[in-house]
Each structure stands twice: as structure tokens, then as C-alpha cells.
Amino acid sequence: MDLYNNIAEVMQKKVLELIDEYSKDEEPFFIYYPTHLVHGPILPYEKDRGKSELGIYGDFVLQADRHMGEIIDKLKEKNIYEDTIVVFTSD
């Protein structure tokens, strides 16, 4: 796997770890997670290539969607989803 996609995995792992850590307290927390998956270069994970049937950009969007899904799943696992505001934007 190339360096670019490795960064995406490292960042995703870290944000999930932060949710685990911060959710231990009763206090609210804020995480700013500026994923680079909405910008080029368009290099989806090998496991995503061809999955969307919409070309390489569709595969890239599928990868970003899975990452967001993992974050939502983690919030639900920690029973804080209903009390959480998630804002996903792209320019």
C-alpha cells in the first residue's frame, strides 16, 4: 500500500481511538477530523477498487463512506451517538 493510503488508515485508526478514550468520561468532547479522502489524488484502497461500479472516483467515495460509517458505528458502540452532532462537509 502506498504512503498516501497508509495515512488514511493511520488517521482513521486514531480518530476511533480518540472516541474510545474521550467517551470514558461523562464530559462532552470535540474532535475535528479533517479527512483528506474528499480530495485527490484519487487513490482508493485496493480492496475498494471496482466495488462501486462507478469508476475510480466512485470507489474513492465508497472508501470515505466506509470511514464515516466506522465513526458512526463507534459512537453507537459507546452509546453516545444519540447525544453527538456529526458534521461532514466538503468544499
Protein backbone atom coordinates (compact mmCIF):
# COMPACT_ATOMS: atom_id res chain seq x y z
CA MET A 1 0.00 0.00 0.00
CA ASP A 2 1.35 3.40 -0.88
CA LEU A 3 2.11 6.12 1.65
CA TYR A 4 -0.98 8.16 0.77
CA ASN A 5 -3.44 5.38 1.61
CA ASN A 6 -1.44 4.39 4.68
CA ILE A 7 -2.01 7.90 6.04
CA ALA A 8 -5.77 7.42 5.62
CA GLU A 9 -5.62 4.22 7.66
CA VAL A 10 -3.48 5.81 10.39
CA MET A 11 -5.82 8.81 10.66
CA GLN A 12 -8.92 6.59 10.78
CA LYS A 13 -7.42 4.39 13.49
CA LYS A 14 -6.50 7.48 15.53
CA VAL A 15 -9.97 9.05 15.38
CA LEU A 16 -11.54 5.78 16.51
CA GLU A 17 -9.02 5.58 19.38
CA LEU A 18 -9.87 9.16 20.40
CA ILE A 19 -13.57 8.32 20.55
CA ASP A 20 -12.74 5.32 22.75
CA GLU A 21 -10.60 7.47 25.04
CA TYR A 22 -12.86 10.53 25.29
CA SER A 23 -16.07 8.56 25.73
CA LYS A 24 -14.81 7.15 29.04
CA ASP A 25 -15.61 10.47 30.70
CA GLU A 26 -19.07 11.92 31.20
CA GLU A 27 -17.85 15.24 29.82
CA PRO A 28 -18.66 16.35 26.27
CA PHE A 29 -15.79 16.35 23.83
CA PHE A 30 -14.95 17.79 20.44
CA ILE A 31 -12.99 16.10 17.66
CA TYR A 32 -12.06 17.89 14.48
CA TYR A 33 -11.21 15.25 11.90
CA PRO A 34 -10.15 16.78 8.57
CA THR A 35 -10.08 13.66 6.45
CA HIS A 36 -8.25 14.10 3.19
CA LEU A 37 -10.41 11.48 1.47
CA VAL A 38 -12.51 14.13 -0.25
CA HIS A 39 -9.53 15.39 -2.24
CA GLY A 40 -7.08 13.95 -4.73
CA PRO A 41 -5.06 12.22 -5.58
CA ILE A 42 -7.85 9.72 -6.15
CA LEU A 43 -6.25 6.55 -4.82
CA PRO A 44 -8.83 4.23 -3.26
CA TYR A 45 -7.70 1.25 -1.22
CA GLU A 46 -7.06 -1.84 -3.29
CA LYS A 47 -9.99 -3.53 -1.52
CA ASP A 48 -12.32 -0.76 -2.77
CA ARG A 49 -11.23 -0.73 -6.39
CA GLY A 50 -14.05 -1.82 -8.67
CA LYS A 51 -16.56 -2.11 -5.81
CA SER A 52 -18.69 0.93 -6.61
CA GLU A 53 -19.10 0.13 -10.30
CA LEU A 54 -18.76 3.91 -10.83
CA GLY A 55 -15.08 4.08 -11.65
CA ILE A 56 -12.13 5.05 -9.51
CA TYR A 57 -13.80 8.19 -8.08
CA GLY A 58 -16.84 6.15 -7.02
CA ASP A 59 -14.51 3.69 -5.33
CA PHE A 60 -12.84 6.59 -3.53
CA VAL A 61 -16.21 7.89 -2.31
CA LEU A 62 -17.06 4.37 -1.15
CA GLN A 63 -13.88 4.37 0.93
CA ALA A 64 -14.74 7.73 2.53
CA ASP A 65 -18.28 6.49 3.20
CA ARG A 66 -16.97 3.40 4.96
CA HIS A 67 -14.70 5.54 7.13
CA MET A 68 -17.67 7.70 8.17
CA GLY A 69 -19.67 4.55 8.84
CA GLU A 70 -16.93 3.27 11.14
CA ILE A 71 -17.05 6.52 13.10
CA ILE A 72 -20.85 6.33 13.42
CA ASP A 73 -20.61 2.67 14.47
CA LYS A 74 -18.03 3.58 17.14
CA LEU A 75 -20.28 6.34 18.52
CA LYS A 76 -23.16 3.84 18.70
CA GLU A 77 -20.93 1.22 20.34
CA LYS A 78 -20.03 3.78 23.05
CA ASN A 79 -23.72 4.71 23.48
CA ILE A 80 -23.07 8.35 22.67
CA TYR A 81 -24.43 8.53 19.13
CA GLU A 82 -27.80 9.99 20.17
CA ASP A 83 -26.01 12.80 22.03
CA THR A 84 -23.50 13.55 19.28
CA ILE A 85 -23.52 16.06 16.45
CA VAL A 86 -21.61 14.91 13.37
CA VAL A 87 -20.94 17.44 10.64
CA PHE A 88 -19.48 16.18 7.38
CA THR A 89 -18.61 18.79 4.80
CA SER A 90 -16.59 19.08 1.65
CA ASP A 91 -15.57 22.04 -0.41
